N, C-alpha and C. Protein backbone atom coordinates (compact mmCIF):
# COMPACT_ATOMS: atom_id res chain seq x y z
N UNK A 1 -2.42 16.65 0.29
CA UNK A 1 -1.69 15.86 -1.18
C UNK A 1 -2.40 15.40 -2.56
N UNK A 2 -3.95 14.56 -2.14
CA UNK A 2 -5.05 14.40 -3.03
C UNK A 2 -5.11 15.38 -3.80
N UNK A 3 -5.54 16.35 -3.27
CA UNK A 3 -6.49 17.60 -3.88
C UNK A 3 -5.19 18.48 -4.85
N UNK A 4 -3.51 18.31 -4.65
CA UNK A 4 -2.63 18.98 -5.17
C UNK A 4 -2.22 17.95 -6.67
N UNK A 5 -2.60 16.65 -6.46
CA UNK A 5 -3.06 15.73 -7.32
C UNK A 5 -3.29 16.22 -8.71
N UNK A 6 -4.67 16.91 -8.78
CA UNK A 6 -5.38 17.48 -9.49
C UNK A 6 -4.85 18.77 -10.24
N UNK A 7 -3.85 19.48 -9.80
CA UNK A 7 -3.97 20.81 -10.16
C UNK A 7 -3.53 20.73 -11.61
N UNK A 8 -3.51 21.80 -12.43
CA UNK A 8 -2.75 21.74 -13.74
C UNK A 8 -1.22 21.72 -13.88
N UNK A 9 -0.47 22.45 -12.69
CA UNK A 9 1.36 22.64 -13.08
C UNK A 9 1.83 21.18 -12.93
N UNK A 10 2.22 20.73 -14.01
CA UNK A 10 3.03 19.54 -14.09
C UNK A 10 4.17 19.27 -12.91
N UNK A 11 4.82 20.22 -12.65
CA UNK A 11 5.80 20.09 -11.43
C UNK A 11 5.13 19.89 -10.08
N UNK A 12 3.84 20.57 -9.92
CA UNK A 12 3.21 20.55 -8.53
C UNK A 12 2.25 18.94 -8.08
N UNK A 13 2.00 18.09 -9.54
CA UNK A 13 1.56 16.72 -9.62
C UNK A 13 2.71 16.04 -9.27
N UNK A 14 3.71 16.41 -10.06
CA UNK A 14 4.64 15.42 -9.80
C UNK A 14 5.36 15.54 -8.49
N UNK A 15 5.84 16.49 -7.59
CA UNK A 15 6.20 16.81 -6.16
C UNK A 15 5.21 16.31 -5.78
N UNK A 16 3.64 16.24 -5.93
CA UNK A 16 2.82 15.54 -4.68
C UNK A 16 2.96 14.33 -5.05
N UNK A 17 2.93 13.78 -6.02
CA UNK A 17 3.45 12.12 -5.88
C UNK A 17 4.82 11.71 -5.18
N UNK A 18 5.74 12.51 -5.55
CA UNK A 18 7.04 11.98 -4.59
C UNK A 18 6.46 12.39 -3.20
N UNK A 19 5.80 13.56 -2.66
CA UNK A 19 5.75 13.68 -1.68
C UNK A 19 4.74 12.54 -0.88
N UNK A 20 3.61 11.97 -1.37
CA UNK A 20 2.70 10.91 -1.47
C UNK A 20 3.73 9.92 -0.89
N UNK A 21 4.86 9.37 -1.82
CA UNK A 21 5.77 8.38 -1.57
C UNK A 21 6.64 8.59 -0.32
N UNK A 22 6.64 9.46 0.34
CA UNK A 22 7.55 9.83 1.39
C UNK A 22 6.44 9.37 2.50
N UNK A 23 5.30 9.74 2.47
CA UNK A 23 4.07 9.40 3.04
C UNK A 23 3.85 8.02 3.57
N UNK A 24 3.76 7.45 2.18
CA UNK A 24 3.77 6.11 2.19
C UNK A 24 4.80 4.95 2.47
N UNK A 25 6.19 5.64 2.77
CA UNK A 25 7.33 4.94 3.25
C UNK A 25 6.75 5.24 4.80
N UNK A 26 5.96 5.66 5.32
CA UNK A 26 6.27 6.03 6.79
C UNK A 26 5.14 4.73 6.99
N UNK A 27 3.63 4.74 6.56
CA UNK A 27 3.11 3.79 6.35
C UNK A 27 2.39 3.47 5.04
N UNK A 28 2.84 2.26 4.63
CA UNK A 28 2.66 1.50 3.50
C UNK A 28 1.04 1.26 3.34
N UNK A 29 0.29 1.20 4.35
CA UNK A 29 -1.19 0.74 4.45
C UNK A 29 -2.23 1.61 3.90
N UNK A 30 -1.48 2.66 3.92
CA UNK A 30 -2.24 4.02 3.16
C UNK A 30 -2.42 3.77 2.20
N UNK A 31 -1.94 3.56 1.50
CA UNK A 31 -2.20 2.85 -0.04
C UNK A 31 -3.43 2.05 -0.31
N UNK A 32 -4.25 1.62 0.94
CA UNK A 32 -5.21 0.83 0.75
C UNK A 32 -6.28 1.52 0.94
N UNK A 33 -6.47 2.77 1.08
CA UNK A 33 -7.75 3.56 1.02
C UNK A 33 -7.74 3.72 -0.21
N UNK A 34 -9.14 4.03 -0.34
CA UNK A 34 -9.93 3.79 -1.65
C UNK A 34 -9.28 5.52 -2.54
N UNK A 35 -9.49 6.58 -1.81
CA UNK A 35 -9.31 8.03 -1.84
C UNK A 35 -7.86 7.60 -2.26
N UNK A 36 -6.94 6.87 -2.05
CA UNK A 36 -5.51 7.09 -2.44
C UNK A 36 -5.68 6.41 -3.76
N UNK A 37 -6.39 5.36 -4.08
CA UNK A 37 -6.38 4.12 -5.25
C UNK A 37 -6.42 5.56 -6.25
N UNK A 38 -7.60 5.90 -6.02
CA UNK A 38 -8.21 6.95 -7.13
C UNK A 38 -7.35 7.98 -7.22
N UNK A 39 -6.49 8.34 -6.37
CA UNK A 39 -5.60 9.40 -6.83
C UNK A 39 -4.01 9.13 -7.47
N UNK A 40 -3.86 8.03 -7.24
CA UNK A 40 -2.66 7.32 -7.61
C UNK A 40 -3.24 6.68 -9.29
N UNK A 41 -4.30 5.87 -9.40
CA UNK A 41 -5.11 5.68 -10.69
C UNK A 41 -4.57 6.99 -11.60
N UNK A 42 -5.43 8.19 -11.39
CA UNK A 42 -5.03 9.34 -12.01
C UNK A 42 -3.78 9.65 -12.55
N UNK A 43 -2.94 9.46 -11.63
CA UNK A 43 -1.86 9.98 -12.04
C UNK A 43 -1.02 9.17 -12.89
N UNK A 44 -1.23 7.90 -12.97
CA UNK A 44 -1.03 6.97 -13.67
C UNK A 44 -1.15 7.01 -15.36
N UNK A 45 -2.69 7.65 -15.56
CA UNK A 45 -3.08 8.48 -16.79
C UNK A 45 -2.82 9.43 -17.06
N UNK A 46 -1.79 10.07 -16.54
CA UNK A 46 -1.53 11.76 -16.17
C UNK A 46 -1.04 11.68 -17.83
N UNK A 47 -1.41 12.87 -18.39
CA UNK A 47 -0.66 13.36 -19.62
C UNK A 47 1.14 13.62 -19.68
N UNK A 48 1.23 13.60 -18.03
CA UNK A 48 2.70 14.28 -18.18
C UNK A 48 3.39 12.68 -18.03
N UNK A 49 4.63 12.79 -18.90
CA UNK A 49 5.44 11.63 -18.69
C UNK A 49 6.27 11.55 -16.97
N UNK A 50 6.65 12.73 -16.62
CA UNK A 50 7.36 12.52 -14.72
C UNK A 50 6.32 12.40 -13.97
N UNK A 51 5.02 12.51 -14.46
CA UNK A 51 3.76 12.47 -13.33
C UNK A 51 3.26 10.63 -13.38
N UNK A 52 3.66 10.25 -14.64
CA UNK A 52 3.20 8.98 -14.63
C UNK A 52 4.71 8.14 -14.09
N UNK A 53 5.66 8.53 -14.19
CA UNK A 53 6.85 7.87 -13.68
C UNK A 53 6.60 7.82 -12.04
N UNK A 54 6.51 8.95 -11.67
CA UNK A 54 6.42 9.41 -10.21
C UNK A 54 5.37 8.28 -10.06
N UNK A 55 4.17 8.05 -10.42
CA UNK A 55 3.39 6.85 -9.83
C UNK A 55 3.78 5.56 -9.78
N UNK A 56 4.57 5.47 -10.80
CA UNK A 56 4.76 4.07 -11.10
C UNK A 56 5.84 3.58 -10.14
N UNK A 57 7.11 4.20 -9.90
CA UNK A 57 8.04 4.48 -9.04
C UNK A 57 7.30 3.97 -7.43
N UNK A 58 6.21 5.33 -7.10
CA UNK A 58 5.19 4.95 -5.76
C UNK A 58 4.88 3.30 -5.95
N UNK A 59 4.43 2.97 -6.76
CA UNK A 59 4.10 1.56 -6.44
C UNK A 59 5.09 0.64 -6.50
N UNK A 60 5.60 0.69 -7.46
CA UNK A 60 7.32 -0.37 -7.36
C UNK A 60 7.66 -0.52 -6.34
N UNK A 61 7.51 0.57 -5.43
CA UNK A 61 8.50 0.45 -4.38
C UNK A 61 7.77 -0.35 -2.76
N UNK A 62 6.37 -0.18 -3.09
CA UNK A 62 5.57 -0.66 -2.04
C UNK A 62 5.26 -1.90 -2.23
N UNK A 63 4.37 -1.94 -3.52
CA UNK A 63 3.30 -3.04 -4.11
C UNK A 63 4.53 -4.07 -3.48
N UNK A 64 5.16 -4.47 -4.00
CA UNK A 64 6.04 -5.61 -4.18
C UNK A 64 6.62 -5.86 -2.17
N UNK A 65 6.22 -5.49 -1.23
CA UNK A 65 6.81 -5.46 -0.11
C UNK A 65 5.04 -5.81 0.29
N UNK A 66 3.97 -5.28 -0.05
CA UNK A 66 2.43 -5.50 0.37
C UNK A 66 2.14 -6.14 -0.52
N UNK A 67 1.95 -7.57 -0.45
CA UNK A 67 0.99 -8.59 -1.67
C UNK A 67 -0.26 -8.10 -1.85
N UNK A 68 -1.21 -8.11 -0.67
CA UNK A 68 -2.16 -7.42 -0.80
C UNK A 68 -2.15 -5.99 -1.67
N UNK A 69 -1.34 -5.32 -1.40
CA UNK A 69 -1.65 -3.74 -2.08
C UNK A 69 -1.28 -4.12 -3.82
N UNK A 70 -0.73 -5.37 -4.27
CA UNK A 70 -0.18 -5.91 -5.69
C UNK A 70 -1.78 -6.26 -6.44
N UNK A 71 -2.78 -6.58 -5.49
CA UNK A 71 -4.22 -7.22 -5.82
C UNK A 71 -5.41 -6.29 -5.85
N UNK A 72 -4.75 -4.89 -5.21
CA UNK A 72 -5.63 -4.00 -5.32
C UNK A 72 -5.25 -3.18 -6.15
N UNK A 73 -3.72 -2.89 -7.26
CA UNK A 73 -3.46 -2.04 -7.75
C UNK A 73 -3.36 -3.06 -9.10
N UNK A 74 -3.34 -4.50 -9.39
CA UNK A 74 -3.17 -4.83 -10.41
C UNK A 74 -3.81 -4.52 -11.61
N UNK A 75 -5.12 -4.50 -11.40
CA UNK A 75 -6.31 -3.90 -12.78
C UNK A 75 -5.39 -2.28 -13.42
N UNK A 76 -4.90 -1.91 -12.32
CA UNK A 76 -4.41 -0.41 -12.92
C UNK A 76 -3.29 -0.37 -13.27
N UNK A 77 -2.36 -1.21 -12.83
CA UNK A 77 -1.14 -1.22 -13.33
C UNK A 77 -1.44 -2.07 -14.84
N UNK A 78 -2.03 -2.76 -14.86
CA UNK A 78 -2.27 -3.46 -16.42
C UNK A 78 -3.11 -2.79 -17.48
N UNK A 79 -4.06 -1.45 -16.67
CA UNK A 79 -4.44 -0.70 -17.96
C UNK A 79 -2.95 0.26 -18.30
N UNK A 80 -2.22 0.76 -17.32
CA UNK A 80 -1.15 1.24 -17.73
C UNK A 80 -0.31 0.41 -18.81
N UNK A 81 0.19 -0.28 -18.48
CA UNK A 81 0.72 -1.15 -19.20
C UNK A 81 0.27 -1.44 -20.72
N UNK A 82 -0.98 -1.70 -20.70
CA UNK A 82 -1.70 -1.51 -22.10
C UNK A 82 -1.40 -0.28 -23.02
């Protein structure tokens, strides 16, 4: 999934984020991995609105239920807000 997040096609990146969301639904701790953090951060700054929305949706679903993830993703979220 992480490799697909870097593809050129917007639809593919969007679907990859949604697939990642399904994986995280089973194991939210996967978001603590450094490679996942880099992948999500890259999609938070994506040129495509739909990809950015999928990334924000992913974090919104899981960061609130795992406060330690909020700390790890805080800087990324602030950067996206600004």
